[in-house]
């Protein structure tokens, strides 16, 4: 469990998002949590100069579908990066482990295969209380952290491409 505020960062050190075209793929499963993560991400992107019209958002059924959703966005839109937003809460079976590992691996693969930054914003918590604490509660909002990561990675890609 995170012990720091996921929403705190040095705003002066974040690259401007002006002109970036970005995507969000949001899991419908655990919508209370993913909606809060999405809101934190969008607010942060707007704060750093990304225009609302330059943010494309798509919904997928669950976290396992995030990777394909990101790949489809990258293939069909001209994007500079994508944030995959999901929430997986441990249950009584090993299903949690399979979904968590597959989701993480799939999201990583999309980024490596496409060369487009694809950011992992998937909470993997033991309880809904932990998920709430990390999606705008006492530990801040992981969506904010993901948006900052995307701005850094999109800037790196842009600088290296010349």
Protein backbone atom coordinates (compact mmCIF):
# COMPACT_ATOMS: atom_id res chain seq x y z
CA UNK A 1 0.00 0.00 0.00
CA UNK A 2 1.29 3.43 -0.91
CA UNK A 3 2.35 5.58 2.00
CA UNK A 4 2.90 8.77 0.03
CA UNK A 5 0.40 11.06 -1.64
CA UNK A 6 0.15 9.92 -5.27
CA UNK A 7 -1.16 13.37 -6.24
CA UNK A 8 1.88 15.34 -5.05
CA UNK A 9 4.57 16.18 -7.59
CA UNK A 10 6.80 19.04 -8.67
CA UNK A 11 4.56 20.77 -11.20
CA UNK A 12 7.43 22.97 -12.39
CA UNK A 13 9.30 19.88 -13.58
CA UNK A 14 6.45 18.54 -15.73
CA UNK A 15 6.73 19.09 -19.50
CA UNK A 16 3.96 21.10 -21.16
CA UNK A 17 1.30 19.06 -22.90
CA UNK A 18 0.40 21.72 -25.44
CA UNK A 19 -0.24 20.13 -28.83
CA UNK A 20 -0.19 16.55 -27.55
CA UNK A 21 -2.94 14.19 -28.64
CA UNK A 22 -3.55 11.67 -25.90
CA UNK A 23 -5.82 8.73 -25.23
CA UNK A 24 -7.44 7.26 -22.16
CA UNK A 25 -8.69 3.69 -22.05
CA UNK A 26 -10.89 3.24 -19.00
CA UNK A 27 -12.18 -0.01 -17.56
CA UNK A 28 -15.90 -0.04 -16.74
CA UNK A 29 -15.31 -2.65 -14.00
CA UNK A 30 -15.08 -0.99 -10.57
CA UNK A 31 -16.37 2.20 -12.21
CA UNK A 32 -16.37 4.18 -8.95
CA UNK A 33 -12.59 3.74 -8.78
CA UNK A 34 -11.77 4.04 -12.49
CA UNK A 35 -13.97 7.13 -12.83
CA UNK A 36 -12.05 8.85 -10.04
CA UNK A 37 -8.71 7.84 -11.58
CA UNK A 38 -9.88 9.13 -14.96
CA UNK A 39 -10.94 12.46 -13.44
CA UNK A 40 -7.55 12.88 -11.74
CA UNK A 41 -5.74 12.13 -15.00
CA UNK A 42 -7.84 14.50 -17.11
CA UNK A 43 -7.58 17.33 -14.59
CA UNK A 44 -3.79 16.96 -14.52
CA UNK A 45 -3.46 16.83 -18.31
CA UNK A 46 -5.58 19.97 -18.66
CA UNK A 47 -3.55 21.71 -15.94
CA UNK A 48 -0.40 21.13 -18.01
CA UNK A 49 -1.72 22.45 -21.29
CA UNK A 50 -3.37 19.49 -23.03
CA UNK A 51 -6.56 20.68 -24.74
CA UNK A 52 -9.75 18.76 -23.89
CA UNK A 53 -10.39 18.28 -27.61
CA UNK A 54 -7.04 16.47 -27.85
CA UNK A 55 -8.00 13.80 -25.31
CA UNK A 56 -9.69 10.73 -26.77
CA UNK A 57 -11.42 8.44 -24.30
CA UNK A 58 -12.67 4.89 -24.80
CA UNK A 59 -14.27 2.46 -22.37
CA UNK A 60 -13.56 -1.25 -22.19
CA UNK A 61 -15.34 -3.88 -20.05
CA UNK A 62 -12.51 -4.68 -17.64
CA UNK A 63 -8.81 -4.31 -16.94
CA UNK A 64 -7.86 -7.34 -19.01
CA UNK A 65 -9.20 -5.54 -22.11
CA UNK A 66 -7.15 -2.38 -21.53
CA UNK A 67 -4.18 -3.52 -23.63
CA UNK A 68 -6.26 -4.23 -26.72
CA UNK A 69 -8.17 -0.99 -26.20
CA UNK A 70 -4.87 0.91 -26.11
CA UNK A 71 -3.58 -0.89 -29.19
CA UNK A 72 -6.77 -0.09 -31.13
CA UNK A 73 -6.54 3.57 -30.13
CA UNK A 74 -2.91 3.77 -31.23
CA UNK A 75 -3.74 2.05 -34.54
CA UNK A 76 -6.77 4.21 -35.38
CA UNK A 77 -5.87 7.60 -33.94
CA UNK A 78 -2.74 9.68 -34.28
CA UNK A 79 -1.82 9.76 -30.60
CA UNK A 80 1.27 10.75 -28.66
CA UNK A 81 0.43 8.45 -25.74
CA UNK A 82 -2.22 6.52 -23.85
CA UNK A 83 -3.12 5.96 -20.21
CA UNK A 84 -4.74 2.62 -19.34
CA UNK A 85 -6.99 3.01 -16.28
CA UNK A 86 -8.28 0.03 -14.33
CA UNK A 87 -8.94 -1.41 -10.89
CA UNK A 88 -8.49 -5.04 -9.88
CA UNK A 89 -9.52 -5.97 -6.34
CA UNK A 90 -8.41 -9.29 -4.86
CA UNK A 91 -11.09 -11.91 -4.40
CA UNK A 92 -11.08 -15.40 -2.95
CA UNK A 93 -9.62 -17.16 -6.01
CA UNK A 94 -6.37 -16.88 -8.03
CA UNK A 95 -8.29 -14.94 -10.71
CA UNK A 96 -6.80 -11.69 -9.33
CA UNK A 97 -3.26 -12.91 -10.03
CA UNK A 98 -4.00 -13.98 -13.60
CA UNK A 99 -5.84 -10.77 -14.47
CA UNK A 100 -3.22 -8.54 -12.82
CA UNK A 101 -0.27 -10.22 -14.52
CA UNK A 102 -1.96 -10.41 -17.92
CA UNK A 103 -3.04 -6.78 -17.75
CA UNK A 104 0.41 -5.51 -16.79
CA UNK A 105 2.15 -7.59 -19.44
CA UNK A 106 -0.33 -6.64 -22.16
CA UNK A 107 -0.06 -2.92 -21.48
CA UNK A 108 3.72 -3.09 -21.49
CA UNK A 109 3.69 -5.01 -24.78
CA UNK A 110 1.55 -2.39 -26.53
CA UNK A 111 4.00 0.35 -25.61
CA UNK A 112 7.04 -1.64 -26.66
CA UNK A 113 5.45 -2.85 -29.90
CA UNK A 114 4.14 0.56 -31.01
CA UNK A 115 6.82 2.87 -29.63
CA UNK A 116 4.04 5.03 -28.18
CA UNK A 117 4.04 5.64 -24.41
CA UNK A 118 1.33 3.49 -22.83
CA UNK A 119 1.03 4.19 -19.11
CA UNK A 120 -0.11 1.62 -16.55
CA UNK A 121 -2.70 3.18 -14.23
CA UNK A 122 -4.22 -0.01 -12.86
CA UNK A 123 -4.76 -0.35 -9.14
CA UNK A 124 -4.22 -3.87 -7.81
CA UNK A 125 -5.57 -3.76 -4.28
CA UNK A 126 -6.62 -6.24 -1.63
CA UNK A 127 -9.78 -4.29 -0.71
CA UNK A 128 -12.08 -1.59 -2.05
CA UNK A 129 -10.97 0.61 0.84
CA UNK A 130 -7.41 0.46 -0.47
CA UNK A 131 -8.64 1.27 -3.98
CA UNK A 132 -10.60 4.27 -2.70
CA UNK A 133 -7.56 5.51 -0.77
CA UNK A 134 -5.50 5.49 -4.00
CA UNK A 135 -8.17 6.98 -6.30
CA UNK A 136 -8.66 10.31 -4.57
CA UNK A 137 -8.66 9.29 -0.91
CA UNK A 138 -6.03 9.54 1.79
CA UNK A 139 -3.19 8.42 -0.49
CA UNK A 140 -4.07 10.77 -3.35
CA UNK A 141 -4.96 9.80 -6.89
CA UNK A 142 -2.93 7.40 -9.04
CA UNK A 143 -4.55 9.02 -12.10
CA UNK A 144 -2.62 12.21 -11.37
CA UNK A 145 0.63 10.24 -11.17
CA UNK A 146 -0.15 8.45 -14.45
CA UNK A 147 -0.86 11.72 -16.25
CA UNK A 148 2.45 13.17 -15.09
CA UNK A 149 4.24 10.01 -16.25
CA UNK A 150 2.57 10.26 -19.66
CA UNK A 151 3.61 13.91 -20.08
CA UNK A 152 7.22 12.99 -19.29
CA UNK A 153 7.26 10.02 -21.66
CA UNK A 154 5.51 11.87 -24.51
CA UNK A 155 8.05 14.67 -24.10
CA UNK A 156 10.94 12.18 -24.19
CA UNK A 157 9.57 10.61 -27.36
CA UNK A 158 9.06 14.03 -28.97
CA UNK A 159 12.57 15.24 -28.06
CA UNK A 160 14.28 12.07 -29.31
CA UNK A 161 12.30 12.14 -32.57
CA UNK A 162 13.58 15.68 -33.16
